[in-house]
């Protein structure tokens, strides 16, 4: 059977989600166990520009598969920002006590590079933009590096905030994962470069979660088009754990062509991995269950719809095979 991606709506009705971040609590938060944020990145030729539709959106769920949108988007570009072809990107959700914090970036070519956050006490209503880091402030590049890409943030009462991120947009082996820390989430330490023990991995988009006394990092390596899993005790030195997934290269698969950011959730004894993917037509979010060292790609839509899609795919394959046989005659 060929699995299907999660069915996640967006404000535009295009429904091509991307770059997931998920918070899970067994006891629930604001009446629901799962909360997700994502920024749609549709593969469509639509004005004014593709990145304009990349707005932070929030959802809740009780099973991790069926997601209900709130009044999205959480933030939207102003007319002036649209004229400058600005865009949002790289959302990350953090649970802090009984609140949710949503972090995301605003980029405007060389004019603006800001990491914002918004705070919610009920999951439905969110604060105004709060500046977390402005890379155009004096000495910020020396302190943080060239960029703050795919920030992955944790919070605990004992350690405060810890933020890992990728420090450069350029594709080369000088791209690093850096770590900064903060007590209040506004004043941050000078960054420290983390060590990944797999020298072949060139990080692009990451997620980090503190689970059962370890820091778990998922790394999307754009050069190798793979998502890999690393583990760390101290949050600085990460050891390679396993390869998670790469594009299938199989026609009809929703992850046929490429991948992007993935995020990790611990559920009982299993790990849930939500991952960005795309084929020739659509961008989407898929779900993996990691159980006892085995990886299972879960179909994110109803069994009837999955069955119908599989029948259609096998019908197309059968027609192609029949044509090839006729040509041989």
Protein backbone atom coordinates (compact mmCIF):
# COMPACT_ATOMS: atom_id res chain seq x y z
CA UNK A 1 0.00 0.00 0.00
CA UNK A 2 1.18 3.53 -0.83
CA UNK A 3 0.69 5.87 2.17
CA UNK A 4 -0.72 9.35 1.83
CA UNK A 5 0.41 12.52 3.63
CA UNK A 6 -1.51 14.24 6.41
CA UNK A 7 -4.53 16.26 5.38
CA UNK A 8 -3.76 19.75 6.71
CA UNK A 9 -5.73 22.79 5.58
CA UNK A 10 -4.25 26.24 5.07
CA UNK A 11 -5.82 29.71 4.82
CA UNK A 12 -5.42 29.77 1.04
CA UNK A 13 -7.30 26.56 0.33
CA UNK A 14 -4.22 25.15 -1.42
CA UNK A 15 -3.49 22.78 1.47
CA UNK A 16 0.20 22.19 0.89
CA UNK A 17 1.77 22.36 4.38
CA UNK A 18 5.49 22.44 5.14
CA UNK A 19 8.05 22.74 7.96
CA UNK A 20 6.11 21.13 10.85
CA UNK A 21 6.70 21.62 14.56
CA UNK A 22 4.67 19.59 17.06
CA UNK A 23 4.15 19.72 20.82
CA UNK A 24 2.66 16.67 22.56
CA UNK A 25 1.57 16.30 26.18
CA UNK A 26 -0.08 13.19 27.60
CA UNK A 27 -2.27 15.27 29.89
CA UNK A 28 -3.18 17.71 27.14
CA UNK A 29 -2.78 21.46 26.75
CA UNK A 30 -5.77 23.74 26.22
CA UNK A 31 -7.93 20.63 25.94
CA UNK A 32 -5.88 18.84 23.26
CA UNK A 33 -2.86 16.52 23.33
CA UNK A 34 -1.17 17.70 20.12
CA UNK A 35 -0.42 21.17 18.81
CA UNK A 36 1.23 21.82 15.46
CA UNK A 37 2.53 24.87 13.63
CA UNK A 38 3.61 24.94 9.99
CA UNK A 39 4.19 27.38 7.15
CA UNK A 40 2.56 26.40 3.82
CA UNK A 41 4.92 26.36 0.86
CA UNK A 42 2.73 25.41 -2.11
CA UNK A 43 4.12 24.30 -5.44
CA UNK A 44 1.90 26.62 -7.46
CA UNK A 45 2.36 29.38 -9.97
CA UNK A 46 0.37 32.04 -8.18
CA UNK A 47 0.93 35.77 -7.76
CA UNK A 48 2.48 37.73 -6.23
CA UNK A 49 5.24 35.19 -5.33
CA UNK A 50 5.47 31.72 -3.84
CA UNK A 51 6.96 32.73 -0.46
CA UNK A 52 4.04 35.08 0.19
CA UNK A 53 1.90 32.06 1.19
CA UNK A 54 4.45 30.88 3.76
CA UNK A 55 2.60 32.14 6.84
CA UNK A 56 2.62 30.60 10.35
CA UNK A 57 -0.46 28.46 10.96
CA UNK A 58 -1.48 26.54 14.10
CA UNK A 59 -3.55 23.36 14.56
CA UNK A 60 -4.66 21.00 17.34
CA UNK A 61 -5.28 17.27 17.38
CA UNK A 62 -6.13 14.46 19.79
CA UNK A 63 -4.61 11.60 17.79
CA UNK A 64 -1.71 13.26 15.95
CA UNK A 65 -3.23 12.46 12.55
CA UNK A 66 -6.42 14.50 12.18
CA UNK A 67 -5.62 18.19 12.56
CA UNK A 68 -8.05 21.07 13.13
CA UNK A 69 -6.95 24.60 12.16
CA UNK A 70 -7.57 27.57 14.40
CA UNK A 71 -8.22 31.02 12.96
CA UNK A 72 -5.14 31.02 10.73
CA UNK A 73 -2.77 32.57 9.89
CA UNK A 74 -1.25 33.58 13.21
CA UNK A 75 0.65 36.34 11.43
CA UNK A 76 0.44 37.79 7.94
CA UNK A 77 2.52 40.13 5.83
CA UNK A 78 1.62 43.78 5.61
CA UNK A 79 1.16 45.42 2.22
CA UNK A 80 4.56 47.07 2.58
CA UNK A 81 6.17 43.72 3.40
CA UNK A 82 4.52 42.15 0.36
CA UNK A 83 5.84 44.97 -1.85
CA UNK A 84 9.33 44.18 -0.54
CA UNK A 85 8.72 40.45 -1.20
CA UNK A 86 9.20 39.57 2.45
CA UNK A 87 8.32 36.14 3.77
CA UNK A 88 7.93 34.18 7.00
CA UNK A 89 9.62 30.83 7.61
CA UNK A 90 10.83 28.19 10.06
CA UNK A 91 8.16 28.02 12.80
CA UNK A 92 8.90 26.27 16.08
CA UNK A 93 6.49 25.64 18.97
CA UNK A 94 7.61 25.58 22.61
CA UNK A 95 5.57 24.64 25.66
CA UNK A 96 6.45 26.76 28.68
CA UNK A 97 4.42 25.81 31.72
CA UNK A 98 0.81 26.45 30.68
CA UNK A 99 1.57 28.57 27.62
CA UNK A 100 2.58 27.98 24.02
CA UNK A 101 5.25 30.07 22.33
CA UNK A 102 5.47 30.19 18.55
CA UNK A 103 8.80 31.24 17.04
CA UNK A 104 9.22 32.14 13.36
CA UNK A 105 11.40 34.23 11.09
CA UNK A 106 10.69 37.30 8.94
CA UNK A 107 12.99 37.86 5.98
CA UNK A 108 13.13 40.79 3.55
CA UNK A 109 16.15 40.33 1.30
CA UNK A 110 19.01 42.26 2.96
CA UNK A 111 16.77 44.63 4.92
CA UNK A 112 15.13 42.47 7.58
CA UNK A 113 16.19 39.23 9.29
CA UNK A 114 14.28 38.88 12.55
CA UNK A 115 13.32 35.97 14.77
CA UNK A 116 9.92 36.69 16.32
CA UNK A 117 7.73 34.90 18.82
CA UNK A 118 4.10 35.08 19.84
CA UNK A 119 2.62 33.71 23.04
CA UNK A 120 -0.76 32.07 23.71
CA UNK A 121 -2.50 31.08 26.94
CA UNK A 122 -5.32 29.21 25.19
CA UNK A 123 -4.00 28.13 21.76
CA UNK A 124 -6.51 30.33 19.95
CA UNK A 125 -5.47 33.90 20.75
CA UNK A 126 -1.88 35.03 20.28
CA UNK A 127 0.12 38.05 21.40
CA UNK A 128 1.61 40.63 19.09
CA UNK A 129 5.03 40.08 17.52
CA UNK A 130 7.86 39.99 20.05
CA UNK A 131 11.40 40.47 18.73
CA UNK A 132 13.65 37.65 19.93
CA UNK A 133 16.75 38.30 17.80
CA UNK A 134 17.36 40.96 15.15
CA UNK A 135 20.35 40.04 12.99
CA UNK A 136 20.66 43.63 11.78
CA UNK A 137 21.48 44.89 15.25
CA UNK A 138 25.08 45.88 15.94
CA UNK A 139 27.50 42.97 16.47
CA UNK A 140 24.75 40.37 16.03
CA UNK A 141 26.59 38.56 13.22
CA UNK A 142 29.67 38.22 15.39
CA UNK A 143 27.52 36.87 18.21
CA UNK A 144 25.23 34.52 16.29
CA UNK A 145 26.82 33.87 12.89
CA UNK A 146 25.52 34.79 9.45
CA UNK A 147 21.97 33.54 9.94
CA UNK A 148 19.50 31.82 12.26
CA UNK A 149 17.93 29.10 10.13
CA UNK A 150 15.41 26.59 11.44
CA UNK A 151 15.67 27.55 15.12
CA UNK A 152 14.87 24.61 17.42
CA UNK A 153 14.12 25.78 20.95
CA UNK A 154 13.59 24.00 24.24
CA UNK A 155 12.63 25.40 27.63
CA UNK A 156 12.88 23.99 31.14
CA UNK A 157 12.62 25.56 34.58
CA UNK A 158 16.18 24.45 35.37
CA UNK A 159 17.96 25.39 32.12
CA UNK A 160 15.80 28.16 30.73
CA UNK A 161 15.84 28.49 26.94
CA UNK A 162 18.24 26.64 24.64
CA UNK A 163 18.16 27.39 20.92
CA UNK A 164 19.92 25.39 18.21
CA UNK A 165 20.01 26.67 14.64
CA UNK A 166 21.90 26.48 11.34
CA UNK A 167 24.18 29.46 10.84
CA UNK A 168 24.50 29.94 7.09
CA UNK A 169 22.31 29.73 4.01
CA UNK A 170 25.17 28.84 1.66
CA UNK A 171 25.63 25.19 0.73
CA UNK A 172 29.08 24.24 1.89
CA UNK A 173 30.88 22.35 4.62
CA UNK A 174 31.27 25.54 6.67
CA UNK A 175 27.60 25.41 7.59
CA UNK A 176 27.20 24.58 11.30
CA UNK A 177 24.65 23.96 14.02
CA UNK A 178 25.06 26.54 16.78
CA UNK A 179 23.67 26.74 20.32
CA UNK A 180 22.67 29.83 22.29
CA UNK A 181 21.06 30.04 25.73
CA UNK A 182 18.86 32.49 27.62
CA UNK A 183 17.05 32.85 30.92
CA UNK A 184 14.25 35.11 29.68
CA UNK A 185 14.22 34.23 25.96
CA UNK A 186 15.29 37.75 24.97
CA UNK A 187 18.92 38.15 26.11
CA UNK A 188 21.04 35.37 24.59
CA UNK A 189 24.57 34.11 25.10
CA UNK A 190 27.22 34.21 22.38
CA UNK A 191 26.76 31.18 20.15
CA UNK A 192 28.81 28.00 20.40
CA UNK A 193 29.31 25.66 17.44
CA UNK A 194 28.01 22.15 18.10
CA UNK A 195 29.81 19.01 16.98
CA UNK A 196 28.07 16.36 14.87
CA UNK A 197 30.21 13.23 14.71
CA UNK A 198 29.16 12.40 11.14
CA UNK A 199 31.35 14.65 8.99
CA UNK A 200 29.30 13.79 5.89
CA UNK A 201 26.22 15.54 7.27
CA UNK A 202 25.74 19.13 6.11
CA UNK A 203 22.82 20.47 8.20
CA UNK A 204 20.11 22.61 6.69
CA UNK A 205 16.90 22.34 8.75
CA UNK A 206 16.84 20.80 12.21
CA UNK A 207 14.69 19.97 15.22
CA UNK A 208 15.90 19.36 18.77
CA UNK A 209 13.86 17.94 21.65
CA UNK A 210 14.90 17.05 25.20
CA UNK A 211 13.50 13.57 25.83
CA UNK A 212 14.31 11.18 28.68
CA UNK A 213 17.55 12.92 29.64
CA UNK A 214 18.90 13.28 26.09
CA UNK A 215 18.84 15.90 23.37
CA UNK A 216 17.40 14.33 20.23
CA UNK A 217 18.22 16.10 16.96
CA UNK A 218 16.72 15.46 13.54
CA UNK A 219 18.82 16.92 10.72
CA UNK A 220 17.72 17.47 7.16
CA UNK A 221 20.84 17.37 4.99
CA UNK A 222 19.91 19.11 1.74
CA UNK A 223 23.09 18.01 -0.05
CA UNK A 224 22.43 14.33 0.61
CA UNK A 225 18.63 14.74 0.62
CA UNK A 226 18.26 12.76 3.83
CA UNK A 227 16.88 13.10 7.34
CA UNK A 228 19.23 11.73 10.01
CA UNK A 229 18.93 11.31 13.76
CA UNK A 230 21.55 12.40 16.30
CA UNK A 231 21.65 12.15 20.11
CA UNK A 232 23.48 14.14 22.78
CA UNK A 233 23.83 14.23 26.54
CA UNK A 234 25.14 17.79 26.84
CA UNK A 235 23.50 19.47 23.84
CA UNK A 236 26.88 20.26 22.27
CA UNK A 237 28.28 16.94 21.08
CA UNK A 238 25.85 14.94 18.96
CA UNK A 239 26.41 11.31 18.02
CA UNK A 240 24.90 9.81 14.90
CA UNK A 241 22.06 7.43 15.76
CA UNK A 242 20.42 6.38 12.50
CA UNK A 243 19.22 7.36 9.06
CA UNK A 244 15.48 8.05 9.03
CA UNK A 245 14.34 8.60 5.44
CA UNK A 246 15.35 9.80 1.99
CA UNK A 247 13.23 10.56 -1.10
CA UNK A 248 11.67 7.39 -2.47
CA UNK A 249 12.26 8.28 -6.15
CA UNK A 250 9.11 6.25 -6.81
CA UNK A 251 6.48 7.88 -8.95
CA UNK A 252 3.23 8.58 -7.08
CA UNK A 253 4.87 8.72 -3.63
CA UNK A 254 4.29 12.00 -1.84
CA UNK A 255 7.98 12.03 -0.84
CA UNK A 256 9.20 11.05 -4.31
CA UNK A 257 11.39 14.10 -5.02
CA UNK A 258 12.51 15.85 -1.85
CA UNK A 259 12.37 16.32 1.90
CA UNK A 260 12.71 19.23 4.29
CA UNK A 261 12.42 19.84 8.02
CA UNK A 262 11.28 17.02 10.31
CA UNK A 263 10.30 17.15 13.98
CA UNK A 264 10.24 14.56 16.75
CA UNK A 265 7.64 13.63 19.39
CA UNK A 266 7.84 10.89 22.05
CA UNK A 267 4.55 8.99 22.41
CA UNK A 268 4.62 6.21 25.02
CA UNK A 269 7.44 3.92 23.82
CA UNK A 270 7.26 5.14 20.21
CA UNK A 271 8.67 8.16 18.45
CA UNK A 272 6.53 10.11 15.99
CA UNK A 273 8.42 11.90 13.23
CA UNK A 274 6.55 14.51 11.21
CA UNK A 275 8.46 15.36 8.05
CA UNK A 276 8.19 17.80 5.15
CA UNK A 277 8.17 16.30 1.67
CA UNK A 278 7.29 17.05 -1.91
CA UNK A 279 6.81 15.39 -5.26
CA UNK A 280 6.41 17.04 -8.65
CA UNK A 281 3.05 18.61 -7.76
CA UNK A 282 2.58 19.13 -4.04
CA UNK A 283 4.36 19.92 -0.82
CA UNK A 284 3.06 18.09 2.24
CA UNK A 285 3.72 16.68 5.71
CA UNK A 286 4.08 12.96 6.33
CA UNK A 287 4.20 10.89 9.50
CA UNK A 288 6.63 8.16 10.54
CA UNK A 289 6.37 5.89 13.57
CA UNK A 290 9.73 4.73 14.91
CA UNK A 291 9.11 1.58 16.95
CA UNK A 292 11.76 -0.82 18.26
CA UNK A 293 14.24 0.32 15.62
CA UNK A 294 11.74 -0.07 12.78
CA UNK A 295 10.37 2.74 10.64
CA UNK A 296 6.77 2.77 9.47
CA UNK A 297 5.39 5.50 7.20
CA UNK A 298 1.80 6.08 8.29
CA UNK A 299 -0.96 7.08 5.91
CA UNK A 300 -2.32 10.36 7.15
CA UNK A 301 -5.73 10.04 5.49
CA UNK A 302 -8.70 7.72 5.71
CA UNK A 303 -8.32 4.06 4.80
CA UNK A 304 -10.97 4.45 2.08
CA UNK A 305 -9.13 7.36 0.45
CA UNK A 306 -5.82 5.50 0.74
CA UNK A 307 -7.36 2.40 -0.82
CA UNK A 308 -8.86 4.42 -3.70
CA UNK A 309 -5.52 6.12 -4.34
CA UNK A 310 -3.71 2.78 -4.36
CA UNK A 311 -6.24 1.30 -6.79
CA UNK A 312 -5.72 4.31 -9.06
CA UNK A 313 -1.93 4.02 -8.87
CA UNK A 314 -1.94 0.30 -9.64
CA UNK A 315 -4.40 0.92 -12.49
CA UNK A 316 -2.00 3.47 -14.01
CA UNK A 317 0.90 1.05 -13.62
CA UNK A 318 -1.13 -1.75 -15.23
CA UNK A 319 -2.00 0.49 -18.20
CA UNK A 320 1.66 1.41 -18.63
CA UNK A 321 2.66 -2.26 -18.53
CA UNK A 322 -0.05 -3.16 -21.05
CA UNK A 323 1.15 -0.44 -23.45
CA UNK A 324 4.71 -1.71 -23.18
CA UNK A 325 3.58 -5.26 -23.98
CA UNK A 326 1.62 -4.05 -27.02
CA UNK A 327 4.64 -2.12 -28.28
CA UNK A 328 6.78 -5.26 -28.08
CA UNK A 329 4.33 -7.04 -30.35
